[in-house]
């Protein structure tokens, strides 16, 4: 069982490495941090509104 879990972890690590490399190699323009935080704030506000105020 342990070998299976180790293999799964290795595969997950490889997928993550590939996604990171893909993002680094992506020639499209970077997204400004302020833009990212604005999007996150908006998404969070929408989620809170949808869920009726949180907690």
PDB file of N, CA and C in Angstrom:
ATOM      1  N   UNK A   1       0.834  -1.201   0.000  1.00  0.00           N
ATOM      2  CA  UNK A   1       0.000   0.000   0.000  1.00  0.00           C
ATOM      3  C   UNK A   1       0.874   1.259   0.000  1.00  0.00           C
ATOM      4  N   UNK A   2       1.938   1.201   0.772  1.00  0.00           N
ATOM      5  CA  UNK A   2       2.830   2.363   0.848  1.00  0.00           C
ATOM      6  C   UNK A   2       3.447   2.689  -0.514  1.00  0.00           C
ATOM      7  N   UNK A   3       3.809   1.644  -1.257  1.00  0.00           N
ATOM      8  CA  UNK A   3       4.399   1.856  -2.588  1.00  0.00           C
ATOM      9  C   UNK A   3       3.402   2.545  -3.516  1.00  0.00           C
ATOM     10  N   UNK A   4       2.149   2.154  -3.401  1.00  0.00           N
ATOM     11  CA  UNK A   4       1.104   2.755  -4.222  1.00  0.00           C
ATOM     12  C   UNK A   4       0.959   4.237  -3.890  1.00  0.00           C
ATOM     13  N   UNK A   5       0.975   4.560  -2.604  1.00  0.00           N
ATOM     14  CA  UNK A   5       0.865   5.960  -2.191  1.00  0.00           C
ATOM     15  C   UNK A   5       2.084   6.762  -2.635  1.00  0.00           C
ATOM     16  N   UNK A   6       3.263   6.151  -2.534  1.00  0.00           N
ATOM     17  CA  UNK A   6       4.480   6.827  -3.000  1.00  0.00           C
ATOM     18  C   UNK A   6       4.420   7.085  -4.499  1.00  0.00           C
ATOM     19  N   UNK A   7       3.924   6.110  -5.254  1.00  0.00           N
ATOM     20  CA  UNK A   7       3.805   6.277  -6.703  1.00  0.00           C
ATOM     21  C   UNK A   7       2.808   7.372  -7.048  1.00  0.00           C
ATOM     22  N   UNK A   8       1.692   7.396  -6.318  1.00  0.00           N
ATOM     23  CA  UNK A   8       0.695   8.433  -6.556  1.00  0.00           C
ATOM     24  C   UNK A   8       1.280   9.812  -6.255  1.00  0.00           C
ATOM     25  N   UNK A   9       2.029   9.927  -5.156  1.00  0.00           N
ATOM     26  CA  UNK A   9       2.668  11.201  -4.810  1.00  0.00           C
ATOM     27  C   UNK A   9       3.658  11.615  -5.886  1.00  0.00           C
ATOM     28  N   UNK A  10       4.450  10.656  -6.379  1.00  0.00           N
ATOM     29  CA  UNK A  10       5.413  10.956  -7.442  1.00  0.00           C
ATOM     30  C   UNK A  10       4.706  11.452  -8.700  1.00  0.00           C
ATOM     31  N   UNK A  11       3.602  10.820  -9.063  1.00  0.00           N
ATOM     32  CA  UNK A  11       2.852  11.256 -10.240  1.00  0.00           C
ATOM     33  C   UNK A  11       2.265  12.652 -10.039  1.00  0.00           C
ATOM     34  N   UNK A  12       1.742  12.893  -8.843  1.00  0.00           N
ATOM     35  CA  UNK A  12       1.189  14.219  -8.534  1.00  0.00           C
ATOM     36  C   UNK A  12       2.283  15.275  -8.604  1.00  0.00           C
ATOM     37  N   UNK A  13       3.448  14.962  -8.031  1.00  0.00           N
ATOM     38  CA  UNK A  13       4.578  15.895  -8.088  1.00  0.00           C
ATOM     39  C   UNK A  13       4.983  16.199  -9.529  1.00  0.00           C
ATOM     40  N   UNK A  14       4.995  15.181 -10.370  1.00  0.00           N
ATOM     41  CA  UNK A  14       5.359  15.373 -11.779  1.00  0.00           C
ATOM     42  C   UNK A  14       4.339  16.255 -12.500  1.00  0.00           C
ATOM     43  N   UNK A  15       3.070  16.044 -12.230  1.00  0.00           N
ATOM     44  CA  UNK A  15       2.028  16.881 -12.837  1.00  0.00           C
ATOM     45  C   UNK A  15       2.209  18.335 -12.416  1.00  0.00           C
ATOM     46  N   UNK A  16       2.464  18.551 -11.137  1.00  0.00           N
ATOM     47  CA  UNK A  16       2.662  19.915 -10.635  1.00  0.00           C
ATOM     48  C   UNK A  16       3.883  20.542 -11.288  1.00  0.00           C
ATOM     49  N   UNK A  17       4.991  19.774 -11.382  1.00  0.00           N
ATOM     50  CA  UNK A  17       6.200  20.304 -12.028  1.00  0.00           C
ATOM     51  C   UNK A  17       5.922  20.720 -13.476  1.00  0.00           C
ATOM     52  N   UNK A  18       5.180  19.883 -14.196  1.00  0.00           N
ATOM     53  CA  UNK A  18       4.860  20.196 -15.601  1.00  0.00           C
ATOM     54  C   UNK A  18       3.995  21.441 -15.712  1.00  0.00           C
ATOM     55  N   UNK A  19       3.016  21.576 -14.826  1.00  0.00           N
ATOM     56  CA  UNK A  19       2.157  22.761 -14.867  1.00  0.00           C
ATOM     57  C   UNK A  19       2.949  24.032 -14.544  1.00  0.00           C
ATOM     58  N   UNK A  20       3.859  23.934 -13.585  1.00  0.00           N
ATOM     59  CA  UNK A  20       4.704  25.087 -13.248  1.00  0.00           C
ATOM     60  C   UNK A  20       5.587  25.442 -14.436  1.00  0.00           C
ATOM     61  N   UNK A  21       6.213  24.443 -15.050  1.00  0.00           N
ATOM     62  CA  UNK A  21       7.080  24.695 -16.211  1.00  0.00           C
ATOM     63  C   UNK A  21       6.276  25.309 -17.346  1.00  0.00           C
ATOM     64  N   UNK A  22       5.066  24.796 -17.571  1.00  0.00           N
ATOM     65  CA  UNK A  22       4.198  25.339 -18.616  1.00  0.00           C
ATOM     66  C   UNK A  22       3.884  26.812 -18.341  1.00  0.00           C
ATOM     67  N   UNK A  23       3.607  27.137 -17.097  1.00  0.00           N
ATOM     68  CA  UNK A  23       3.303  28.527 -16.746  1.00  0.00           C
ATOM     69  C   UNK A  23       4.524  29.420 -16.926  1.00  0.00           C
ATOM     70  N   UNK A  24       5.691  28.924 -16.549  1.00  0.00           N
ATOM     71  CA  UNK A  24       6.923  29.712 -16.700  1.00  0.00           C
ATOM     72  C   UNK A  24       7.228  29.940 -18.173  1.00  0.00           C
ATOM     73  N   UNK A  25       7.028  28.916 -18.983  1.00  0.00           N
ATOM     74  CA  UNK A  25       7.344  29.010 -20.414  1.00  0.00           C
ATOM     75  C   UNK A  25       6.274  29.737 -21.230  1.00  0.00           C
ATOM     76  N   UNK A  26       5.137  30.038 -20.634  1.00  0.00           N
ATOM     77  CA  UNK A  26       4.030  30.685 -21.351  1.00  0.00           C
ATOM     78  C   UNK A  26       4.457  32.087 -21.806  1.00  0.00           C
ATOM     79  N   UNK A  27       4.427  32.344 -23.111  1.00  0.00           N
ATOM     80  CA  UNK A  27       4.888  33.632 -23.629  1.00  0.00           C
ATOM     81  C   UNK A  27       3.868  34.769 -23.460  1.00  0.00           C
ATOM     82  N   UNK A  28       2.646  34.455 -23.048  1.00  0.00           N
ATOM     83  CA  UNK A  28       1.658  35.526 -22.905  1.00  0.00           C
ATOM     84  C   UNK A  28       2.065  36.472 -21.774  1.00  0.00           C
ATOM     85  N   UNK A  29       1.504  37.652 -21.797  1.00  0.00           N
ATOM     86  CA  UNK A  29       1.903  38.670 -20.828  1.00  0.00           C
ATOM     87  C   UNK A  29       1.492  38.278 -19.411  1.00  0.00           C
ATOM     88  N   UNK A  30       2.251  38.782 -18.459  1.00  0.00           N
ATOM     89  CA  UNK A  30       1.971  38.518 -17.053  1.00  0.00           C
ATOM     90  C   UNK A  30       0.728  39.294 -16.621  1.00  0.00           C
ATOM     91  N   UNK A  31       0.114  38.840 -15.553  1.00  0.00           N
ATOM     92  CA  UNK A  31      -1.035  39.542 -14.989  1.00  0.00           C
ATOM     93  C   UNK A  31      -0.550  40.284 -13.744  1.00  0.00           C
ATOM     94  N   UNK A  32      -0.848  41.565 -13.697  1.00  0.00           N
ATOM     95  CA  UNK A  32      -0.445  42.413 -12.589  1.00  0.00           C
ATOM     96  C   UNK A  32      -1.061  41.907 -11.273  1.00  0.00           C
ATOM     97  N   UNK A  33      -0.305  41.950 -10.197  1.00  0.00           N
ATOM     98  CA  UNK A  33      -0.783  41.467  -8.892  1.00  0.00           C
ATOM     99  C   UNK A  33      -2.046  42.195  -8.451  1.00  0.00           C
ATOM    100  N   UNK A  34      -2.139  43.491  -8.706  1.00  0.00           N
ATOM    101  CA  UNK A  34      -3.336  44.250  -8.336  1.00  0.00           C
ATOM    102  C   UNK A  34      -4.573  43.692  -9.041  1.00  0.00           C
ATOM    103  N   UNK A  35      -4.417  43.324 -10.304  1.00  0.00           N
ATOM    104  CA  UNK A  35      -5.522  42.744 -11.065  1.00  0.00           C
ATOM    105  C   UNK A  35      -5.954  41.418 -10.446  1.00  0.00           C
ATOM    106  N   UNK A  36      -4.979  40.603 -10.072  1.00  0.00           N
ATOM    107  CA  UNK A  36      -5.289  39.317  -9.446  1.00  0.00           C
ATOM    108  C   UNK A  36      -6.065  39.518  -8.149  1.00  0.00           C
ATOM    109  N   UNK A  37      -5.592  40.433  -7.292  1.00  0.00           N
ATOM    110  CA  UNK A  37      -6.265  40.650  -6.016  1.00  0.00           C
ATOM    111  C   UNK A  37      -7.654  41.252  -6.194  1.00  0.00           C
ATOM    112  N   UNK A  38      -7.826  42.095  -7.210  1.00  0.00           N
ATOM    113  CA  UNK A  38      -9.162  42.623  -7.498  1.00  0.00           C
ATOM    114  C   UNK A  38     -10.107  41.478  -7.876  1.00  0.00           C
ATOM    115  N   UNK A  39      -9.618  40.560  -8.712  1.00  0.00           N
ATOM    116  CA  UNK A  39     -10.435  39.408  -9.102  1.00  0.00           C
ATOM    117  C   UNK A  39     -10.779  38.535  -7.891  1.00  0.00           C
ATOM    118  N   UNK A  40      -9.767  38.279  -7.060  1.00  0.00           N
ATOM    119  CA  UNK A  40     -10.010  37.467  -5.867  1.00  0.00           C
ATOM    120  C   UNK A  40     -11.013  38.127  -4.935  1.00  0.00           C
ATOM    121  N   UNK A  41     -10.877  39.435  -4.726  1.00  0.00           N
ATOM    122  CA  UNK A  41     -11.829  40.161  -3.873  1.00  0.00           C
ATOM    123  C   UNK A  41     -13.246  40.066  -4.432  1.00  0.00           C
ATOM    124  N   UNK A  42     -13.372  40.237  -5.740  1.00  0.00           N
ATOM    125  CA  UNK A  42     -14.695  40.170  -6.370  1.00  0.00           C
ATOM    126  C   UNK A  42     -15.291  38.757  -6.245  1.00  0.00           C
ATOM    127  N   UNK A  43     -14.483  37.746  -6.525  1.00  0.00           N
ATOM    128  CA  UNK A  43     -14.962  36.366  -6.408  1.00  0.00           C
ATOM    129  C   UNK A  43     -15.359  36.031  -4.969  1.00  0.00           C
ATOM    130  N   UNK A  44     -14.566  36.499  -4.029  1.00  0.00           N
ATOM    131  CA  UNK A  44     -14.876  36.258  -2.620  1.00  0.00           C
ATOM    132  C   UNK A  44     -16.190  36.928  -2.236  1.00  0.00           C
ATOM    133  N   UNK A  45     -16.357  38.179  -2.654  1.00  0.00           N
ATOM    134  CA  UNK A  45     -17.590  38.910  -2.350  1.00  0.00           C
ATOM    135  C   UNK A  45     -18.800  38.204  -2.957  1.00  0.00           C
ATOM    136  N   UNK A  46     -18.656  37.716  -4.180  1.00  0.00           N
ATOM    137  CA  UNK A  46     -19.756  36.996  -4.828  1.00  0.00           C
ATOM    138  C   UNK A  46     -20.083  35.710  -4.079  1.00  0.00           C
ATOM    139  N   UNK A  47     -19.058  35.005  -3.636  1.00  0.00           N
ATOM    140  CA  UNK A  47     -19.275  33.755  -2.904  1.00  0.00           C
ATOM    141  C   UNK A  47     -19.969  34.023  -1.575  1.00  0.00           C
ATOM    142  N   UNK A  48     -19.531  35.047  -0.855  1.00  0.00           N
ATOM    143  CA  UNK A  48     -20.137  35.391   0.422  1.00  0.00           C
ATOM    144  C   UNK A  48     -21.605  35.764   0.204  1.00  0.00           C
ATOM    145  N   UNK A  49     -21.869  36.554  -0.838  1.00  0.00           N
ATOM    146  CA  UNK A  49     -23.237  36.968  -1.155  1.00  0.00           C
ATOM    147  C   UNK A  49     -24.116  35.748  -1.467  1.00  0.00           C
ATOM    148  N   UNK A  50     -23.567  34.821  -2.269  1.00  0.00           N
ATOM    149  CA  UNK A  50     -24.304  33.619  -2.652  1.00  0.00           C
ATOM    150  C   UNK A  50     -24.570  32.716  -1.460  1.00  0.00           C
ATOM    151  N   UNK A  51     -23.606  32.621  -0.561  1.00  0.00           N
ATOM    152  CA  UNK A  51     -23.733  31.717   0.578  1.00  0.00           C
ATOM    153  C   UNK A  51     -24.460  32.364   1.756  1.00  0.00           C
ATOM    154  N   UNK A  52     -24.882  33.591   1.605  1.00  0.00           N
ATOM    155  CA  UNK A  52     -25.665  34.238   2.662  1.00  0.00           C
ATOM    156  C   UNK A  52     -24.859  34.827   3.794  1.00  0.00           C
ATOM    157  N   UNK A  53     -23.662  35.283   3.520  1.00  0.00           N
ATOM    158  CA  UNK A  53     -22.903  36.003   4.537  1.00  0.00           C
ATOM    159  C   UNK A  53     -21.769  35.250   5.187  1.00  0.00           C
ATOM    160  N   UNK A  54     -21.484  34.076   4.734  1.00  0.00           N
ATOM    161  CA  UNK A  54     -20.296  33.401   5.237  1.00  0.00           C
ATOM    162  C   UNK A  54     -20.594  32.331   6.264  1.00  0.00           C
ATOM    163  N   UNK A  55     -19.662  32.158   7.172  1.00  0.00           N
ATOM    164  CA  UNK A  55     -19.579  31.133   8.203  1.00  0.00           C
ATOM    165  C   UNK A  55     -20.632  30.154   8.061  1.00  0.00           C
TER     166      UNK A  55
END
